Amino acid sequence: MPQTPFAPIRRFILAGLTVAGLLLPAAGAAARPTADGSPAKAPRTLRSVAFLVVDGVYNTELTAPLDVFQHVRFHSADDWPETFLVSPDGRSVTSFEGLTIQPDYSFANAPPIDLLVVPSAEGSMTSDLDNQALLDWVRRTGRKARHVMSLCDGAFVLAEAGLLDGLEATTFPGDQDRFEARFTRVKLVRDVIFVDAGHALTSVGGARSFDVALWLVEQLYGVKAARGIGQGLVLDWDATSVPHRLARP
């Protein structure tokens, strides 16, 4: 190709951008190799999803979002989160419906958590709100996490830990008056299935506990992954058909 008068100038500009670190690699370029020479993997969207389990946890509010996030691995290639259960002391707990649940970790040895899920439990509006060790762990872990999520009355625990202050949130419809009276720094949203307030997502729970989990999967991994997971669970997922409130700051 004939040399143009602008070629030296163009080479100079490109060289300057490269030195300055402003010239990005072309799409599809190989990642910088690791120490052993293999290509580096891109960081996962979510490294981990942890589910808080205590005695009296309700089956549906635990298993619905757990099903959703465990199935991400079948719809998102290498980008899927580890899922695990955490109880206060690492010992087994008994659900409200009588299932024995063996957690993977305790508060003391749980690994870093990107999404903390707090299902409703029998004591979510009573004894759990007086359990300072539990609240301290939820507060500390939730502040470090990318997201926190509650199902049903799990919102009471998040709110008591201060993680919903200044945000919009929802909870089980029959307990919304009680929630609104207790947590005056949280704006209660009624007549929706879930609220996405950015860092915190809250749901009415029950059988609708699938919805908020599928919504977050759609936001993080795309609508195809969310609908694929829904199909596997025999759920016709369509966010536009689910009443919800998008209230991100």
Protein backbone atom coordinates (compact mmCIF):
# COMPACT_ATOMS: atom_id res chain seq x y z
CA MET A 1 0.00 0.00 0.00
CA PRO A 2 1.44 3.44 -0.89
CA GLN A 3 2.76 5.43 2.03
CA THR A 4 0.60 8.47 2.78
CA PRO A 5 1.79 11.69 4.41
CA PHE A 6 -0.29 10.81 7.46
CA ALA A 7 1.13 7.32 8.04
CA PRO A 8 4.02 8.43 10.33
CA ILE A 9 1.62 10.58 12.33
CA ARG A 10 -0.84 7.69 12.65
CA ARG A 11 1.91 5.33 13.83
CA PHE A 12 3.01 7.92 16.39
CA ILE A 13 -0.52 8.35 17.75
CA LEU A 14 -1.13 4.59 17.99
CA ALA A 15 2.21 4.07 19.69
CA GLY A 16 1.38 6.79 22.20
CA LEU A 17 -2.01 5.29 22.95
CA THR A 18 -0.49 1.86 23.42
CA VAL A 19 2.12 3.16 25.84
CA ALA A 20 -0.54 5.09 27.73
CA GLY A 21 -2.61 1.92 28.10
CA LEU A 22 -5.53 3.41 26.20
CA LEU A 23 -5.55 1.05 23.22
CA LEU A 24 -7.69 -1.95 24.12
CA PRO A 25 -7.09 -5.40 22.61
CA ALA A 26 -9.35 -6.38 19.76
CA ALA A 27 -12.45 -8.39 20.51
CA GLY A 28 -11.62 -12.05 20.82
CA ALA A 29 -7.99 -11.38 21.75
CA ALA A 30 -6.50 -13.97 24.07
CA ALA A 31 -6.46 -13.18 27.77
CA ARG A 32 -3.09 -12.55 29.38
CA PRO A 33 -1.63 -15.97 30.27
CA THR A 34 -1.24 -17.09 33.85
CA ALA A 35 2.06 -18.07 35.46
CA ASP A 36 1.85 -21.59 33.98
CA GLY A 37 1.18 -20.24 30.48
CA SER A 38 -2.53 -21.08 30.33
CA PRO A 39 -5.04 -18.33 29.39
CA ALA A 40 -6.47 -16.49 32.37
CA LYS A 41 -10.18 -17.01 32.97
CA ALA A 42 -12.48 -14.01 33.15
CA PRO A 43 -13.79 -13.34 36.67
CA ARG A 44 -17.14 -14.90 37.45
CA THR A 45 -20.22 -12.68 37.53
CA LEU A 46 -21.00 -14.10 40.97
CA ARG A 47 -18.46 -16.28 42.73
CA SER A 48 -20.82 -17.48 45.42
CA VAL A 49 -24.41 -17.49 46.61
CA ALA A 50 -24.88 -18.26 50.30
CA PHE A 51 -28.17 -19.20 51.94
CA LEU A 52 -28.65 -18.49 55.63
CA VAL A 53 -30.35 -21.43 57.35
CA VAL A 54 -31.59 -21.44 60.93
CA ASP A 55 -34.00 -23.65 62.83
CA GLY A 56 -37.51 -23.05 61.57
CA VAL A 57 -36.47 -21.96 58.06
CA TYR A 58 -39.33 -22.40 55.61
CA ASN A 59 -38.72 -24.96 52.88
CA THR A 60 -40.01 -22.99 49.90
CA GLU A 61 -38.16 -19.76 50.66
CA LEU A 62 -34.94 -21.76 50.84
CA THR A 63 -35.32 -24.27 48.03
CA ALA A 64 -36.88 -22.01 45.37
CA PRO A 65 -33.95 -19.57 45.01
CA LEU A 66 -31.47 -22.38 45.66
CA ASP A 67 -32.88 -24.30 42.69
CA VAL A 68 -32.59 -21.24 40.47
CA PHE A 69 -28.99 -20.36 41.30
CA GLN A 70 -27.79 -23.97 41.23
CA HIS A 71 -29.12 -24.29 37.69
CA VAL A 72 -27.15 -21.29 36.38
CA ARG A 73 -24.25 -23.66 35.65
CA PHE A 74 -26.32 -25.39 32.96
CA HIS A 75 -27.09 -22.15 31.14
CA SER A 76 -24.01 -19.95 31.45
CA ALA A 77 -20.95 -21.94 30.32
CA ASP A 78 -18.08 -21.40 32.77
CA ASP A 79 -19.67 -18.40 34.48
CA TRP A 80 -21.75 -19.73 37.35
CA PRO A 81 -21.69 -19.31 41.14
CA GLU A 82 -20.96 -21.79 43.87
CA THR A 83 -23.99 -22.24 46.11
CA PHE A 84 -23.81 -23.24 49.75
CA LEU A 85 -25.69 -23.14 53.05
CA VAL A 86 -24.51 -21.35 56.19
CA SER A 87 -25.86 -21.85 59.71
CA PRO A 88 -24.70 -20.01 62.83
CA ASP A 89 -22.56 -22.86 64.18
CA GLY A 90 -22.33 -25.18 61.17
CA ARG A 91 -24.61 -27.74 62.78
CA SER A 92 -27.71 -29.13 61.13
CA VAL A 93 -31.00 -27.25 61.43
CA THR A 94 -34.60 -28.39 61.17
CA SER A 95 -36.94 -26.58 58.81
CA PHE A 96 -40.39 -25.47 59.92
CA GLU A 97 -41.83 -28.35 57.90
CA GLY A 98 -39.51 -30.88 59.57
CA LEU A 99 -36.66 -31.40 57.10
CA THR A 100 -33.17 -31.87 58.53
CA ILE A 101 -30.75 -29.59 56.70
CA GLN A 102 -26.98 -29.97 56.89
CA PRO A 103 -25.19 -26.67 56.14
CA ASP A 104 -21.83 -26.42 54.44
CA TYR A 105 -20.34 -23.73 56.67
CA SER A 106 -20.72 -21.82 59.90
CA PHE A 107 -20.48 -18.08 60.45
CA ALA A 108 -16.86 -18.62 61.49
CA ASN A 109 -15.61 -20.40 58.37
CA ALA A 110 -17.88 -19.31 55.51
CA PRO A 111 -15.94 -18.22 52.41
CA PRO A 112 -16.44 -14.80 50.75
CA ILE A 113 -20.05 -14.26 49.71
CA ASP A 114 -21.22 -12.29 46.66
CA LEU A 115 -24.95 -12.84 47.17
CA LEU A 116 -26.41 -13.43 50.63
CA VAL A 117 -29.90 -14.95 50.59
CA VAL A 118 -32.01 -14.76 53.76
CA PRO A 119 -35.07 -17.02 53.59
CA SER A 120 -37.94 -16.57 56.01
CA ALA A 121 -37.92 -18.62 59.20
CA GLU A 122 -40.28 -19.17 62.10
CA GLY A 123 -38.30 -16.68 64.20
CA SER A 124 -37.76 -14.02 61.53
CA MET A 125 -40.11 -11.57 63.27
CA THR A 126 -39.32 -12.61 66.84
CA SER A 127 -36.31 -14.47 68.25
CA ASP A 128 -34.05 -13.92 65.23
CA LEU A 129 -34.37 -10.16 65.71
CA ASP A 130 -32.95 -10.52 69.23
CA ASN A 131 -30.06 -12.74 68.13
CA GLN A 132 -27.15 -10.30 68.03
CA ALA A 133 -24.64 -12.84 66.74
CA LEU A 134 -26.91 -13.59 63.78
CA LEU A 135 -27.64 -9.92 63.10
CA ASP A 136 -23.96 -8.97 63.34
CA TRP A 137 -23.00 -11.65 60.83
CA VAL A 138 -25.80 -10.68 58.43
CA ARG A 139 -24.83 -7.01 58.72
CA ARG A 140 -21.12 -7.62 58.22
CA THR A 141 -21.58 -10.14 55.42
CA GLY A 142 -24.32 -8.17 53.70
CA ARG A 143 -22.25 -4.99 53.58
CA LYS A 144 -19.42 -6.83 51.84
CA ALA A 145 -21.69 -8.73 49.45
CA ARG A 146 -22.58 -7.50 45.99
CA HIS A 147 -26.26 -8.21 46.70
CA VAL A 148 -28.50 -9.33 49.54
CA MET A 149 -31.85 -11.00 48.96
CA SER A 150 -34.71 -11.82 51.30
CA LEU A 151 -37.73 -14.04 50.86
CA CYS A 152 -40.95 -13.43 52.78
CA ASP A 153 -40.17 -12.33 56.35
CA GLY A 154 -36.43 -12.59 55.78
CA ALA A 155 -36.82 -8.87 55.07
CA PHE A 156 -37.27 -8.34 58.82
CA VAL A 157 -33.77 -9.72 59.42
CA LEU A 158 -32.21 -7.58 56.68
CA ALA A 159 -33.99 -4.50 57.99
CA GLU A 160 -33.05 -5.17 61.62
CA ALA A 161 -29.43 -5.47 60.47
CA GLY A 162 -29.72 -2.03 58.86
CA LEU A 163 -29.25 -3.30 55.31
CA LEU A 164 -32.52 -1.83 54.04
CA ASP A 165 -32.18 1.66 55.54
CA GLY A 166 -33.18 4.29 53.00
CA LEU A 167 -34.31 1.69 50.48
CA GLU A 168 -37.64 0.43 49.17
CA ALA A 169 -38.57 -3.12 50.13
CA THR A 170 -41.40 -5.60 50.42
CA THR A 171 -42.22 -8.65 52.52
CA PHE A 172 -44.99 -11.20 53.08
CA PRO A 173 -48.31 -9.39 52.48
CA GLY A 174 -49.84 -10.42 55.81
CA ASP A 175 -46.88 -8.93 57.70
CA GLN A 176 -46.45 -5.67 55.81
CA ASP A 177 -48.21 -3.49 58.39
CA ARG A 178 -45.97 -4.87 61.11
CA PHE A 179 -42.88 -4.33 58.97
CA GLU A 180 -43.84 -0.75 58.14
CA ALA A 181 -44.46 0.12 61.78
CA ARG A 182 -41.15 -1.33 62.98
CA PHE A 183 -38.82 -0.15 60.24
CA THR A 184 -39.56 3.50 59.65
CA ARG A 185 -36.31 4.03 57.71
CA VAL A 186 -37.44 1.56 55.04
CA LYS A 187 -40.07 2.47 52.45
CA LEU A 188 -42.49 -0.43 52.22
CA VAL A 189 -43.82 -1.28 48.76
CA ARG A 190 -47.15 -3.09 48.58
CA ASP A 191 -48.89 -4.94 45.75
CA VAL A 192 -45.71 -6.23 44.13
CA ILE A 193 -44.01 -9.62 44.05
CA PHE A 194 -40.51 -8.27 44.56
CA VAL A 195 -38.51 -5.06 44.81
CA ASP A 196 -35.08 -4.58 43.24
CA ALA A 197 -33.36 -1.77 45.14
CA GLY A 198 -29.93 -2.46 43.67
CA HIS A 199 -27.89 -3.88 46.52
CA ALA A 200 -30.98 -5.36 48.19
CA LEU A 201 -33.73 -7.43 46.60
CA THR A 202 -36.80 -8.35 48.65
CA SER A 203 -39.69 -10.69 47.82
CA VAL A 204 -43.12 -11.56 49.18
CA GLY A 205 -41.88 -15.16 49.30
CA GLY A 206 -43.95 -18.32 49.20
CA ALA A 207 -44.30 -19.88 45.77
CA ARG A 208 -43.28 -16.51 44.30
CA SER A 209 -39.78 -16.95 45.72
CA PHE A 210 -38.70 -18.20 42.29
CA ASP A 211 -39.47 -14.84 40.68
CA VAL A 212 -36.92 -12.63 42.40
CA ALA A 213 -34.18 -15.23 41.85
CA LEU A 214 -35.02 -15.56 38.16
CA TRP A 215 -35.08 -11.78 37.88
CA LEU A 216 -31.57 -11.45 39.29
CA VAL A 217 -30.34 -14.24 37.02
CA GLU A 218 -31.80 -12.34 34.07
CA GLN A 219 -30.02 -9.15 35.13
CA LEU A 220 -26.67 -10.88 35.62
CA TYR A 221 -26.66 -13.66 33.03
CA GLY A 222 -29.27 -12.62 30.48
CA VAL A 223 -32.85 -13.39 29.62
CA LYS A 224 -31.94 -16.60 27.75
CA ALA A 225 -30.38 -18.10 30.88
CA ALA A 226 -33.32 -17.04 33.06
CA ARG A 227 -35.90 -18.46 30.68
CA GLY A 228 -33.90 -21.65 30.25
CA ILE A 229 -33.80 -22.16 34.01
CA GLY A 230 -37.51 -21.41 34.17
CA GLN A 231 -38.25 -24.03 31.55
CA GLY A 232 -36.23 -26.58 33.49
CA LEU A 233 -38.36 -25.82 36.55
CA VAL A 234 -41.56 -25.85 34.44
CA LEU A 235 -42.00 -22.11 34.98
CA ASP A 236 -42.95 -19.78 32.16
CA TRP A 237 -40.62 -16.94 33.15
CA ASP A 238 -41.44 -13.50 31.77
CA ALA A 239 -40.43 -10.54 33.93
CA THR A 240 -42.98 -8.27 32.25
CA SER A 241 -45.81 -10.39 33.62
CA VAL A 242 -44.62 -10.19 37.25
CA PRO A 243 -45.58 -7.09 39.27
CA HIS A 244 -42.35 -5.68 40.62
CA ARG A 245 -40.70 -2.44 41.58
CA LEU A 246 -37.34 -1.34 40.18
CA ALA A 247 -36.03 1.10 42.80
CA ARG A 248 -32.28 1.19 42.34
CA PRO A 249 -30.60 4.33 43.76
